[in-house]
Structure formats: C-alpha cells, structure tokens
Amino acid sequence: VYFDNAATSQKPRAVIDRITAYYQTENSNVHRGVHTLSQWATDAYEAGRASVQRFINARHSHEIIFTRGTTESINLVATSFGRARIGAGDNVVISTLEHHSNIVPWQLICEEKGASLRVVPVSEAGVLDLDAYGALLDERTRIVAISHISNALGTINPVRSIIEEAHRRGIPVLLDSAQAVPHEAVDVQALDVDFCAFSGHK
C-alpha cells in the first residue's frame, strides 16, 4: 500500500498507456505546427483542456491554464495578479494550514511591496478559526489564498463560507485544491472561486 498520495500518486494503467501511445504515434509540437501529427497532438491537448473544464465545471475551456502543477499555478497568480494588485500597506490572508507553495510566493510579494501577510490560526483540533479569519479581512486585503484540504492534517476547510466572506468585501480568493480535486467533486462555479489551483498527479 502506497501512503504518500498527498505528494503524488501511482499512475493508473490508462494514463501510462495514453502517454506511451502519444510518444509512439503522436509525438509533435502542440500549437506550433500545421502538419498532421502536430494537429493530432494539438487536438488531444485541447480535448484535455475541455475535459478538465467539465470535471471542475468551469464556465469556459479558456479558463483552464495548464502549468506543471499546483506550485507553479499559485506562483503564476502571485507574480501576475498578486504583484499587480498588492502595494505598500496592503495585506494578503493565508492560513496556518497552507502548504509552503501557498506561503512562500505571498511572503516574497509582501516583502517586495511592503505589504503584510496575515495568517488565520487553527484550533487544537486542527480547524480554522473562522472568527479570526473574518477579523483579518479589511479594505486593504488584496487576496485570500487558502487551502481547500490540508495536505498535512487532511482538514477539509469550509471553503464556500470562506469565499463568501471574502467576496462580501470584494476580495478575490485563490483556492489550493491540490488535495481536494482528486478526492471530492469540486464545482468552481458553485464555489464562485476566482482562482483554483490543482495538479493532475495526486
């Protein structure tokens, strides 16, 4: 039995077979050629994007951005959207339950911009203190970046209410759903989340 699925999971035979078939019969540049193999590869790539769209119920397939994983996705949001919005005196809200990939980018941006990083505490039971969360939000909060499910404790955060509280104040939310997407249905439209980062290898 393999117990380190929070880091990565063993790949199903269907995944291994599909990757093998790609390298045997379709290996080509995606979006960079007009020949048949390139078109096949591009079509398969875009079909994958549409599949992810349906899987998480995104509104449009162009909302799906492929990266190398959750860490790169969070970094992308932090260094583009975050860097453009965060300034001196602003703040970013994260929680004690975050994976380091959802801490370090915000630390760096806050240090660079002269902003503060606010951290939602957890109880002895390992659950977020939602009263403290609400108290940390103010007119200078530029983004909330929070884990959907903790990779260390397995705590399932009440993300719907977390998102609603932030949105009532006009604050966008990034959800680290790396541990959630493989284990429960995640509907990004129902959650009304602004950014949802996850990988395909858990």
N, C-alpha and C. Protein backbone atom coordinates (compact mmCIF):
# COMPACT_ATOMS: atom_id res chain seq x y z
N VAL A 1 0.85 -1.18 0.00
CA VAL A 1 0.00 0.00 0.00
C VAL A 1 0.89 1.24 0.00
N TYR A 2 0.57 2.18 -0.87
CA TYR A 2 1.34 3.41 -1.01
C TYR A 2 0.64 4.52 -0.24
N PHE A 3 1.34 5.12 0.73
CA PHE A 3 0.70 6.08 1.62
C PHE A 3 1.07 7.54 1.37
N ASP A 4 1.88 7.83 0.37
CA ASP A 4 2.32 9.21 0.17
C ASP A 4 1.55 9.89 -0.96
N ASN A 5 0.25 9.61 -1.04
CA ASN A 5 -0.56 10.19 -2.11
C ASN A 5 -0.73 11.70 -1.99
N ALA A 6 -0.48 12.27 -0.82
CA ALA A 6 -0.56 13.72 -0.68
C ALA A 6 0.53 14.40 -1.51
N ALA A 7 1.63 13.68 -1.75
CA ALA A 7 2.73 14.22 -2.57
C ALA A 7 2.50 13.90 -4.04
N THR A 8 2.30 12.63 -4.35
CA THR A 8 1.95 12.20 -5.70
C THR A 8 1.41 10.78 -5.60
N SER A 9 0.64 10.39 -6.58
CA SER A 9 0.04 9.05 -6.58
C SER A 9 0.65 8.20 -7.68
N GLN A 10 0.57 6.90 -7.51
CA GLN A 10 0.97 5.98 -8.56
C GLN A 10 -0.02 6.14 -9.73
N LYS A 11 0.50 6.05 -10.93
CA LYS A 11 -0.33 6.36 -12.10
C LYS A 11 -1.13 5.14 -12.56
N PRO A 12 -2.40 5.34 -12.90
CA PRO A 12 -3.22 4.25 -13.41
C PRO A 12 -2.71 3.77 -14.77
N ARG A 13 -3.01 2.53 -15.09
CA ARG A 13 -2.58 1.95 -16.36
C ARG A 13 -3.08 2.78 -17.55
N ALA A 14 -4.29 3.32 -17.47
CA ALA A 14 -4.84 4.11 -18.58
C ALA A 14 -3.96 5.33 -18.86
N VAL A 15 -3.43 5.96 -17.83
CA VAL A 15 -2.56 7.12 -18.00
C VAL A 15 -1.24 6.70 -18.64
N ILE A 16 -0.66 5.64 -18.12
CA ILE A 16 0.61 5.13 -18.66
C ILE A 16 0.45 4.75 -20.13
N ASP A 17 -0.64 4.05 -20.45
CA ASP A 17 -0.88 3.62 -21.83
C ASP A 17 -1.08 4.82 -22.76
N ARG A 18 -1.78 5.85 -22.28
CA ARG A 18 -2.04 7.01 -23.14
C ARG A 18 -0.76 7.79 -23.41
N ILE A 19 0.08 7.94 -22.39
CA ILE A 19 1.36 8.63 -22.57
C ILE A 19 2.25 7.84 -23.52
N THR A 20 2.26 6.53 -23.36
CA THR A 20 3.06 5.68 -24.24
C THR A 20 2.58 5.80 -25.69
N ALA A 21 1.26 5.77 -25.88
CA ALA A 21 0.71 5.89 -27.23
C ALA A 21 1.07 7.23 -27.86
N TYR A 22 1.06 8.29 -27.06
CA TYR A 22 1.44 9.61 -27.57
C TYR A 22 2.87 9.59 -28.09
N TYR A 23 3.79 9.07 -27.29
CA TYR A 23 5.19 9.05 -27.71
C TYR A 23 5.44 8.09 -28.87
N GLN A 24 4.61 7.07 -29.00
CA GLN A 24 4.79 6.11 -30.09
C GLN A 24 4.19 6.60 -31.41
N THR A 25 3.08 7.35 -31.35
CA THR A 25 2.37 7.65 -32.59
C THR A 25 2.01 9.12 -32.82
N GLU A 26 2.10 9.98 -31.80
CA GLU A 26 1.63 11.36 -31.95
C GLU A 26 2.65 12.41 -31.53
N ASN A 27 3.83 12.03 -31.16
CA ASN A 27 4.80 12.98 -30.61
C ASN A 27 5.07 14.12 -31.59
N SER A 28 4.68 15.33 -31.17
CA SER A 28 4.86 16.50 -32.02
C SER A 28 4.64 17.75 -31.18
N ASN A 29 4.96 18.91 -31.75
CA ASN A 29 4.74 20.17 -31.05
C ASN A 29 3.26 20.54 -31.05
N VAL A 30 2.78 20.98 -29.90
CA VAL A 30 1.40 21.43 -29.75
C VAL A 30 1.34 22.92 -30.09
N HIS A 31 0.36 23.30 -30.92
CA HIS A 31 0.14 24.70 -31.31
C HIS A 31 1.32 25.30 -32.08
N ARG A 32 2.19 24.46 -32.64
CA ARG A 32 3.36 25.02 -33.31
C ARG A 32 3.65 24.36 -34.65
N GLY A 33 2.67 23.68 -35.20
CA GLY A 33 2.89 23.05 -36.49
C GLY A 33 1.58 22.91 -37.25
N VAL A 34 1.69 22.78 -38.59
CA VAL A 34 0.49 22.62 -39.41
C VAL A 34 0.41 21.22 -40.00
N HIS A 35 1.40 20.39 -39.72
CA HIS A 35 1.37 19.03 -40.26
C HIS A 35 0.45 18.15 -39.43
N THR A 36 0.15 16.97 -39.94
CA THR A 36 -0.86 16.11 -39.35
C THR A 36 -0.57 15.74 -37.90
N LEU A 37 0.67 15.31 -37.61
CA LEU A 37 0.99 14.92 -36.24
C LEU A 37 0.80 16.08 -35.27
N SER A 38 1.21 17.26 -35.68
CA SER A 38 1.05 18.43 -34.82
C SER A 38 -0.43 18.73 -34.58
N GLN A 39 -1.24 18.59 -35.61
CA GLN A 39 -2.68 18.82 -35.45
C GLN A 39 -3.30 17.79 -34.51
N TRP A 40 -2.88 16.52 -34.64
CA TRP A 40 -3.38 15.48 -33.73
C TRP A 40 -3.01 15.81 -32.29
N ALA A 41 -1.76 16.18 -32.09
CA ALA A 41 -1.28 16.49 -30.75
C ALA A 41 -2.03 17.70 -30.18
N THR A 42 -2.23 18.71 -31.01
CA THR A 42 -2.95 19.91 -30.57
C THR A 42 -4.39 19.59 -30.22
N ASP A 43 -5.03 18.77 -31.06
CA ASP A 43 -6.42 18.39 -30.79
C ASP A 43 -6.53 17.62 -29.47
N ALA A 44 -5.59 16.71 -29.23
CA ALA A 44 -5.60 15.93 -27.98
C ALA A 44 -5.38 16.84 -26.78
N TYR A 45 -4.46 17.79 -26.93
CA TYR A 45 -4.16 18.74 -25.86
C TYR A 45 -5.39 19.57 -25.51
N GLU A 46 -6.06 20.10 -26.52
CA GLU A 46 -7.24 20.93 -26.29
C GLU A 46 -8.42 20.10 -25.78
N ALA A 47 -8.49 18.83 -26.19
CA ALA A 47 -9.53 17.94 -25.65
C ALA A 47 -9.30 17.73 -24.16
N GLY A 48 -8.04 17.67 -23.76
CA GLY A 48 -7.71 17.57 -22.33
C GLY A 48 -8.18 18.80 -21.57
N ARG A 49 -8.01 19.97 -22.15
CA ARG A 49 -8.47 21.21 -21.52
C ARG A 49 -10.00 21.19 -21.34
N ALA A 50 -10.71 20.74 -22.38
CA ALA A 50 -12.17 20.66 -22.30
C ALA A 50 -12.60 19.63 -21.26
N SER A 51 -11.83 18.55 -21.14
CA SER A 51 -12.14 17.53 -20.14
C SER A 51 -12.00 18.08 -18.72
N VAL A 52 -10.94 18.85 -18.49
CA VAL A 52 -10.75 19.48 -17.17
C VAL A 52 -11.87 20.48 -16.90
N GLN A 53 -12.24 21.23 -17.92
CA GLN A 53 -13.35 22.19 -17.77
C GLN A 53 -14.60 21.49 -17.26
N ARG A 54 -14.95 20.36 -17.89
CA ARG A 54 -16.14 19.62 -17.47
C ARG A 54 -15.96 19.04 -16.07
N PHE A 55 -14.77 18.56 -15.78
CA PHE A 55 -14.50 17.89 -14.50
C PHE A 55 -14.71 18.83 -13.31
N ILE A 56 -14.31 20.10 -13.45
CA ILE A 56 -14.46 21.05 -12.34
C ILE A 56 -15.61 22.03 -12.59
N ASN A 57 -16.34 21.84 -13.68
CA ASN A 57 -17.47 22.69 -14.06
C ASN A 57 -17.06 24.15 -14.21
N ALA A 58 -15.95 24.38 -14.89
CA ALA A 58 -15.57 25.76 -15.24
C ALA A 58 -16.52 26.27 -16.33
N ARG A 59 -16.68 27.56 -16.40
CA ARG A 59 -17.62 28.14 -17.36
C ARG A 59 -17.12 27.99 -18.80
N HIS A 60 -15.82 28.21 -19.03
CA HIS A 60 -15.25 28.15 -20.37
C HIS A 60 -13.94 27.37 -20.35
N SER A 61 -13.62 26.71 -21.45
CA SER A 61 -12.37 25.95 -21.51
C SER A 61 -11.16 26.87 -21.47
N HIS A 62 -11.29 28.12 -21.96
CA HIS A 62 -10.14 29.03 -21.93
C HIS A 62 -9.80 29.49 -20.51
N GLU A 63 -10.64 29.16 -19.54
CA GLU A 63 -10.32 29.45 -18.14
C GLU A 63 -9.31 28.44 -17.57
N ILE A 64 -9.11 27.35 -18.28
CA ILE A 64 -8.19 26.30 -17.83
C ILE A 64 -6.80 26.62 -18.35
N ILE A 65 -5.85 26.81 -17.44
CA ILE A 65 -4.47 27.10 -17.80
C ILE A 65 -3.60 25.95 -17.32
N PHE A 66 -2.92 25.29 -18.24
CA PHE A 66 -2.04 24.18 -17.87
C PHE A 66 -0.69 24.70 -17.39
N THR A 67 -0.27 24.22 -16.23
CA THR A 67 1.06 24.51 -15.69
C THR A 67 1.68 23.17 -15.31
N ARG A 68 2.85 23.21 -14.70
CA ARG A 68 3.50 21.96 -14.29
C ARG A 68 2.93 21.42 -12.98
N GLY A 69 2.08 22.17 -12.31
CA GLY A 69 1.49 21.68 -11.08
C GLY A 69 0.93 22.82 -10.23
N THR A 70 0.47 22.47 -9.05
CA THR A 70 -0.15 23.44 -8.15
C THR A 70 0.80 24.56 -7.77
N THR A 71 2.04 24.21 -7.46
CA THR A 71 3.02 25.22 -7.05
C THR A 71 3.19 26.27 -8.13
N GLU A 72 3.38 25.85 -9.36
CA GLU A 72 3.55 26.81 -10.45
C GLU A 72 2.28 27.63 -10.67
N SER A 73 1.13 27.01 -10.49
CA SER A 73 -0.13 27.73 -10.66
C SER A 73 -0.27 28.85 -9.63
N ILE A 74 0.05 28.54 -8.37
CA ILE A 74 -0.01 29.56 -7.32
C ILE A 74 1.02 30.65 -7.58
N ASN A 75 2.22 30.26 -7.98
CA ASN A 75 3.24 31.25 -8.32
C ASN A 75 2.78 32.16 -9.44
N LEU A 76 2.10 31.61 -10.42
CA LEU A 76 1.60 32.39 -11.55
C LEU A 76 0.61 33.45 -11.08
N VAL A 77 -0.31 33.06 -10.21
CA VAL A 77 -1.28 34.02 -9.68
C VAL A 77 -0.58 35.09 -8.84
N ALA A 78 0.36 34.66 -7.99
CA ALA A 78 1.05 35.60 -7.11
C ALA A 78 1.87 36.61 -7.90
N THR A 79 2.59 36.14 -8.91
CA THR A 79 3.52 37.03 -9.62
C THR A 79 2.85 37.85 -10.73
N SER A 80 1.65 37.49 -11.11
CA SER A 80 0.94 38.29 -12.12
C SER A 80 -0.18 39.08 -11.45
N PHE A 81 -1.24 38.43 -11.13
CA PHE A 81 -2.39 39.08 -10.50
C PHE A 81 -2.01 39.73 -9.17
N GLY A 82 -1.32 38.98 -8.31
CA GLY A 82 -0.96 39.49 -6.99
C GLY A 82 -0.03 40.68 -7.05
N ARG A 83 1.03 40.55 -7.82
CA ARG A 83 2.02 41.63 -7.89
C ARG A 83 1.39 42.92 -8.44
N ALA A 84 0.45 42.80 -9.34
CA ALA A 84 -0.19 43.98 -9.92
C ALA A 84 -1.15 44.66 -8.95
N ARG A 85 -1.69 43.92 -7.99
CA ARG A 85 -2.72 44.46 -7.08
C ARG A 85 -2.20 44.86 -5.71
N ILE A 86 -1.11 44.25 -5.28
CA ILE A 86 -0.64 44.44 -3.90
C ILE A 86 0.35 45.60 -3.85
N GLY A 87 0.14 46.49 -2.89
CA GLY A 87 1.03 47.62 -2.71
C GLY A 87 1.38 47.82 -1.25
N ALA A 88 2.14 48.85 -0.97
CA ALA A 88 2.55 49.16 0.40
C ALA A 88 1.32 49.38 1.27
N GLY A 89 1.32 48.74 2.45
CA GLY A 89 0.21 48.88 3.38
C GLY A 89 -0.93 47.92 3.16
N ASP A 90 -0.91 47.19 2.04
CA ASP A 90 -1.94 46.19 1.77
C ASP A 90 -1.64 44.92 2.56
N ASN A 91 -2.53 43.94 2.47
CA ASN A 91 -2.28 42.66 3.12
C ASN A 91 -2.83 41.50 2.31
N VAL A 92 -2.27 40.34 2.57
CA VAL A 92 -2.68 39.07 1.97
C VAL A 92 -3.03 38.14 3.13
N VAL A 93 -4.13 37.40 3.00
CA VAL A 93 -4.55 36.48 4.06
C VAL A 93 -4.36 35.04 3.59
N ILE A 94 -3.62 34.28 4.40
CA ILE A 94 -3.45 32.84 4.20
C ILE A 94 -3.82 32.17 5.53
N SER A 95 -3.55 30.87 5.65
CA SER A 95 -3.83 30.20 6.93
C SER A 95 -2.63 29.38 7.39
N THR A 96 -2.71 28.95 8.64
CA THR A 96 -1.66 28.10 9.22
C THR A 96 -1.60 26.74 8.53
N LEU A 97 -2.66 26.35 7.84
CA LEU A 97 -2.74 25.03 7.21
C LEU A 97 -2.11 24.97 5.83
N GLU A 98 -1.53 26.07 5.36
CA GLU A 98 -1.07 26.10 3.98
C GLU A 98 0.17 25.25 3.73
N HIS A 99 0.21 24.65 2.54
CA HIS A 99 1.43 24.05 2.00
C HIS A 99 2.40 25.19 1.73
N HIS A 100 3.70 24.92 1.82
CA HIS A 100 4.68 26.01 1.63
C HIS A 100 4.54 26.70 0.27
N SER A 101 4.00 26.00 -0.73
CA SER A 101 3.83 26.62 -2.05
C SER A 101 2.75 27.70 -2.04
N ASN A 102 1.92 27.72 -1.00
CA ASN A 102 0.92 28.78 -0.86
C ASN A 102 1.29 29.74 0.27
N ILE A 103 2.53 29.68 0.70
CA ILE A 103 3.05 30.63 1.69
C ILE A 103 4.16 31.48 1.07
N VAL A 104 5.18 30.80 0.54
CA VAL A 104 6.39 31.48 0.08
C VAL A 104 6.12 32.55 -0.99
N PRO A 105 5.31 32.30 -2.02
CA PRO A 105 5.09 33.35 -3.02
C PRO A 105 4.49 34.61 -2.41
N TRP A 106 3.58 34.43 -1.46
CA TRP A 106 2.94 35.58 -0.83
C TRP A 106 3.90 36.29 0.12
N GLN A 107 4.75 35.54 0.78
CA GLN A 107 5.80 36.17 1.61
C GLN A 107 6.68 37.06 0.75
N LEU A 108 7.10 36.54 -0.39
CA LEU A 108 8.00 37.29 -1.27
C LEU A 108 7.34 38.54 -1.82
N ILE A 109 6.09 38.41 -2.27
CA ILE A 109 5.37 39.57 -2.81
C ILE A 109 5.16 40.62 -1.72
N CYS A 110 4.77 40.17 -0.53
CA CYS A 110 4.54 41.12 0.57
C CYS A 110 5.84 41.84 0.95
N GLU A 111 6.94 41.10 0.99
CA GLU A 111 8.22 41.72 1.31
C GLU A 111 8.62 42.73 0.23
N GLU A 112 8.42 42.34 -1.01
CA GLU A 112 8.77 43.22 -2.14
C GLU A 112 7.94 44.51 -2.14
N LYS A 113 6.66 44.39 -1.80
CA LYS A 113 5.73 45.51 -1.93
C LYS A 113 5.53 46.31 -0.64
N GLY A 114 6.04 45.79 0.48
CA GLY A 114 5.78 46.47 1.75
C GLY A 114 4.39 46.19 2.28
N ALA A 115 3.87 45.02 1.96
CA ALA A 115 2.55 44.58 2.44
C ALA A 115 2.74 43.62 3.60
N SER A 116 1.65 43.26 4.25
CA SER A 116 1.74 42.32 5.37
C SER A 116 1.04 41.02 5.02
N LEU A 117 1.56 39.94 5.59
CA LEU A 117 0.97 38.61 5.40
C LEU A 117 0.24 38.25 6.68
N ARG A 118 -1.05 38.08 6.58
CA ARG A 118 -1.87 37.74 7.74
C ARG A 118 -2.22 36.26 7.70
N VAL A 119 -2.14 35.62 8.86
CA VAL A 119 -2.30 34.16 8.92
C VAL A 119 -3.47 33.78 9.82
N VAL A 120 -4.43 33.06 9.25
CA VAL A 120 -5.58 32.58 10.02
C VAL A 120 -5.11 31.43 10.91
N PRO A 121 -5.33 31.51 12.22
CA PRO A 121 -4.88 30.44 13.11
C PRO A 121 -5.81 29.23 13.05
N VAL A 122 -5.33 28.13 13.61
CA VAL A 122 -6.14 26.92 13.72
C VAL A 122 -6.33 26.57 15.19
N SER A 123 -7.38 25.83 15.46
CA SER A 123 -7.65 25.38 16.82
C SER A 123 -6.80 24.15 17.12
N GLU A 124 -6.88 23.68 18.36
CA GLU A 124 -6.16 22.45 18.73
C GLU A 124 -6.68 21.25 17.96
N ALA A 125 -7.91 21.35 17.48
CA ALA A 125 -8.50 20.27 16.68
C ALA A 125 -8.06 20.33 15.22
N GLY A 126 -7.28 21.37 14.87
CA GLY A 126 -6.77 21.48 13.51
C GLY A 126 -7.72 22.10 12.52
N VAL A 127 -8.70 22.86 13.02
CA VAL A 127 -9.64 23.53 12.12
C VAL A 127 -9.42 25.04 12.18
N LEU A 128 -9.74 25.71 11.09
CA LEU A 128 -9.53 27.16 11.01
C LEU A 128 -10.45 27.90 11.98
N ASP A 129 -9.91 28.95 12.56
CA ASP A 129 -10.68 29.85 13.42
C ASP A 129 -11.36 30.87 12.50
N LEU A 130 -12.62 30.63 12.19
CA LEU A 130 -13.33 31.47 11.22
C LEU A 130 -13.63 32.86 11.76
N ASP A 131 -13.76 33.00 13.08
CA ASP A 131 -13.94 34.34 13.64
C ASP A 131 -12.68 35.16 13.42
N ALA A 132 -11.53 34.53 13.65
CA ALA A 132 -10.26 35.22 13.41
C ALA A 132 -10.10 35.55 11.93
N TYR A 133 -10.53 34.64 11.07
CA TYR A 133 -10.47 34.88 9.62
C TYR A 133 -11.23 36.15 9.26
N GLY A 134 -12.47 36.26 9.72
CA GLY A 134 -13.27 37.44 9.42
C GLY A 134 -12.64 38.72 9.93
N ALA A 135 -11.99 38.62 11.10
CA ALA A 135 -11.36 39.80 11.70
C ALA A 135 -10.11 40.24 10.94
N LEU A 136 -9.48 39.31 10.22
CA LEU A 136 -8.26 39.64 9.47
C LEU A 136 -8.55 40.37 8.16
N LEU A 137 -9.76 40.23 7.66
CA LEU A 137 -10.13 40.86 6.39
C LEU A 137 -10.46 42.33 6.60
N ASP A 138 -9.94 43.18 5.73
CA ASP A 138 -10.30 44.60 5.77
C ASP A 138 -10.19 45.20 4.38
N GLU A 139 -10.32 46.51 4.31
CA GLU A 139 -10.33 47.18 3.00
C GLU A 139 -8.98 47.14 2.30
N ARG A 140 -7.93 46.72 3.00
CA ARG A 140 -6.59 46.62 2.38
C ARG A 140 -6.22 45.18 2.04
N THR A 141 -7.13 44.24 2.26
CA THR A 141 -6.86 42.84 1.89
C THR A 141 -7.01 42.71 0.39
N ARG A 142 -5.95 42.28 -0.28
CA ARG A 142 -5.96 42.21 -1.74
C ARG A 142 -6.28 40.82 -2.28
N ILE A 143 -6.04 39.78 -1.49
CA ILE A 143 -6.38 38.42 -1.90
C ILE A 143 -6.36 37.51 -0.68
N VAL A 144 -7.22 36.51 -0.71
CA VAL A 144 -7.20 35.42 0.27
C VAL A 144 -6.71 34.19 -0.48
N ALA A 145 -5.66 33.54 0.04
CA ALA A 145 -5.11 32.33 -0.58
C ALA A 145 -5.18 31.22 0.46
N ILE A 146 -6.05 30.25 0.22
CA ILE A 146 -6.39 29.29 1.28
C ILE A 146 -6.45 27.87 0.71
N SER A 147 -6.09 26.90 1.54
CA SER A 147 -6.15 25.51 1.10
C SER A 147 -7.56 24.96 1.23
N HIS A 148 -7.94 24.16 0.28
CA HIS A 148 -9.25 23.50 0.27
C HIS A 148 -9.24 22.36 1.29
N ILE A 149 -8.22 21.52 1.19
CA ILE A 149 -7.99 20.43 2.14
C ILE A 149 -6.51 20.46 2.51
N SER A 150 -6.20 20.36 3.79
CA SER A 150 -4.81 20.40 4.24
C SER A 150 -4.06 19.15 3.80
N ASN A 151 -2.86 19.35 3.24
CA ASN A 151 -2.04 18.21 2.83
C ASN A 151 -1.43 17.51 4.04
N ALA A 152 -1.33 18.20 5.17
CA ALA A 152 -0.69 17.62 6.35
C ALA A 152 -1.70 16.97 7.30
N LEU A 153 -2.82 17.64 7.55
CA LEU A 153 -3.80 17.15 8.52
C LEU A 153 -5.03 16.50 7.89
N GLY A 154 -5.28 16.82 6.63
CA GLY A 154 -6.49 16.32 5.99
C GLY A 154 -7.72 17.13 6.34
N THR A 155 -7.53 18.25 7.03
CA THR A 155 -8.65 19.12 7.39
C THR A 155 -9.35 19.63 6.13
N ILE A 156 -10.67 19.45 6.09
CA ILE A 156 -11.46 19.96 4.97
C ILE A 156 -12.00 21.32 5.40
N ASN A 157 -11.50 22.36 4.78
CA ASN A 157 -11.90 23.71 5.16
C ASN A 157 -13.28 24.06 4.59
N PRO A 158 -14.05 24.88 5.30
CA PRO A 158 -15.36 25.32 4.82
C PRO A 158 -15.20 26.41 3.75
N VAL A 159 -14.72 25.99 2.60
CA VAL A 159 -14.29 26.96 1.60
C VAL A 159 -15.43 27.80 1.04
N ARG A 160 -16.61 27.24 0.98
CA ARG A 160 -17.73 28.03 0.46
C ARG A 160 -17.97 29.27 1.33
N SER A 161 -17.99 29.08 2.65
CA SER A 161 -18.21 30.23 3.53
C SER A 161 -17.00 31.15 3.56
N ILE A 162 -15.80 30.59 3.42
CA ILE A 162 -14.58 31.41 3.35
C ILE A 162 -14.62 32.32 2.12
N ILE A 163 -15.01 31.75 0.99
CA ILE A 163 -15.10 32.53 -0.25
C ILE A 163 -16.20 33.58 -0.15
N GLU A 164 -17.36 33.19 0.38
CA GLU A 164 -18.47 34.13 0.50
C GLU A 164 -18.09 35.32 1.38
N GLU A 165 -17.41 35.05 2.49
CA GLU A 165 -17.00 36.14 3.39
C GLU A 165 -16.05 37.11 2.68
N ALA A 166 -15.10 36.57 1.93
CA ALA A 166 -14.17 37.43 1.18
C ALA A 166 -14.90 38.22 0.10
N HIS A 167 -15.77 37.56 -0.63
CA HIS A 167 -16.48 38.22 -1.73
C HIS A 167 -17.43 39.32 -1.24
N ARG A 168 -17.98 39.15 -0.05
CA ARG A 168 -18.83 40.22 0.50
C ARG A 168 -18.05 41.52 0.64
N ARG A 169 -16.73 41.39 0.77
CA ARG A 169 -15.87 42.56 0.91
C ARG A 169 -15.12 42.89 -0.38
N GLY A 170 -15.47 42.19 -1.46
CA GLY A 170 -14.84 42.45 -2.74
C GLY A 170 -13.43 41.91 -2.87
N ILE A 171 -13.11 40.88 -2.08
CA ILE A 171 -11.75 40.32 -2.07
C ILE A 171 -11.72 39.03 -2.88
N PRO A 172 -10.82 38.92 -3.85
CA PRO A 172 -10.70 37.68 -4.62
C PRO A 172 -10.06 36.56 -3.80
N VAL A 173 -10.34 35.32 -4.20
CA VAL A 173 -9.86 34.16 -3.46
C VAL A 173 -9.15 33.19 -4.39
N LEU A 174 -7.97 32.74 -3.95
CA LEU A 174 -7.27 31.64 -4.60
C LEU A 174 -7.44 30.42 -3.72
N LEU A 175 -7.89 29.33 -4.30
CA LEU A 175 -8.10 28.09 -3.58
C LEU A 175 -7.05 27.07 -4.01
N ASP A 176 -6.26 26.58 -3.03
CA ASP A 176 -5.31 25.50 -3.29
C ASP A 176 -6.08 24.20 -3.15
N SER A 177 -6.51 23.66 -4.28
CA SER A 177 -7.35 22.45 -4.29
C SER A 177 -6.58 21.20 -4.66
N ALA A 178 -5.26 21.21 -4.44
CA ALA A 178 -4.43 20.06 -4.82
C ALA A 178 -4.91 18.77 -4.17
N GLN A 179 -5.34 18.85 -2.91
CA GLN A 179 -5.79 17.64 -2.21
C GLN A 179 -7.29 17.40 -2.38
N ALA A 180 -8.02 18.39 -2.86
CA ALA A 180 -9.48 18.26 -2.98
C ALA A 180 -9.91 17.65 -4.30
N VAL A 181 -9.36 18.14 -5.40
CA VAL A 181 -9.83 17.72 -6.72
C VAL A 181 -9.76 16.20 -6.93
N PRO A 182 -8.73 15.50 -6.43
CA PRO A 182 -8.70 14.05 -6.64
C PRO A 182 -9.68 13.27 -5.77
N HIS A 183 -10.23 13.90 -4.72
CA HIS A 183 -10.97 13.14 -3.72
C HIS A 183 -12.43 13.54 -3.53
N GLU A 184 -12.82 14.66 -4.09
CA GLU A 184 -14.22 15.07 -3.98
C GLU A 184 -14.59 15.91 -5.19
N ALA A 185 -15.88 16.02 -5.43
CA ALA A 185 -16.34 16.85 -6.55
C ALA A 185 -16.08 18.31 -6.24
N VAL A 186 -15.40 18.99 -7.15
CA VAL A 186 -15.12 20.42 -7.00
C VAL A 186 -15.81 21.15 -8.15
N ASP A 187 -16.76 21.99 -7.81
CA ASP A 187 -17.51 22.76 -8.80
C ASP A 187 -17.12 24.23 -8.62
N VAL A 188 -16.26 24.71 -9.50
CA VAL A 188 -15.73 26.07 -9.32
C VAL A 188 -16.80 27.15 -9.52
N GLN A 189 -17.82 26.86 -10.31
CA GLN A 189 -18.90 27.83 -10.46
C GLN A 189 -19.75 27.90 -9.20
N ALA A 190 -20.06 26.74 -8.62
CA ALA A 190 -20.85 26.73 -7.39
C ALA A 190 -20.09 27.39 -6.25
N LEU A 191 -18.77 27.17 -6.21
CA LEU A 191 -17.95 27.79 -5.17
C LEU A 191 -17.76 29.28 -5.43
N ASP A 192 -17.88 29.69 -6.69
CA ASP A 192 -17.65 31.08 -7.12
C ASP A 192 -16.23 31.52 -6.78
N VAL A 193 -15.28 30.60 -6.93
CA VAL A 193 -13.88 30.91 -6.61
C VAL A 193 -13.22 31.61 -7.79
N ASP A 194 -12.30 32.51 -7.49
CA ASP A 194 -11.64 33.29 -8.53
C ASP A 194 -10.50 32.53 -9.19
N PHE A 195 -9.70 31.82 -8.38
CA PHE A 195 -8.59 31.00 -8.87
C PHE A 195 -8.63 29.66 -8.14
N CYS A 196 -8.50 28.59 -8.89
CA CYS A 196 -8.47 27.25 -8.29
C CYS A 196 -7.25 26.53 -8.84
N ALA A 197 -6.29 26.25 -7.96
CA ALA A 197 -5.03 25.62 -8.39
C ALA A 197 -5.01 24.16 -7.94
N PHE A 198 -4.64 23.28 -8.87
CA PHE A 198 -4.52 21.86 -8.54
C PHE A 198 -3.66 21.19 -9.59
N SER A 199 -3.30 19.95 -9.34
CA SER A 199 -2.46 19.21 -10.29
C SER A 199 -3.20 17.97 -10.77
N GLY A 200 -2.61 17.30 -11.72
CA GLY A 200 -3.21 16.08 -12.25
C GLY A 200 -2.50 14.82 -11.81
N HIS A 201 -1.64 14.92 -10.81
CA HIS A 201 -0.82 13.74 -10.46
C HIS A 201 -1.03 13.23 -9.05
N LYS A 202 -2.03 13.73 -8.33
CA LYS A 202 -2.26 13.28 -6.95
C LYS A 202 -3.05 11.97 -6.93
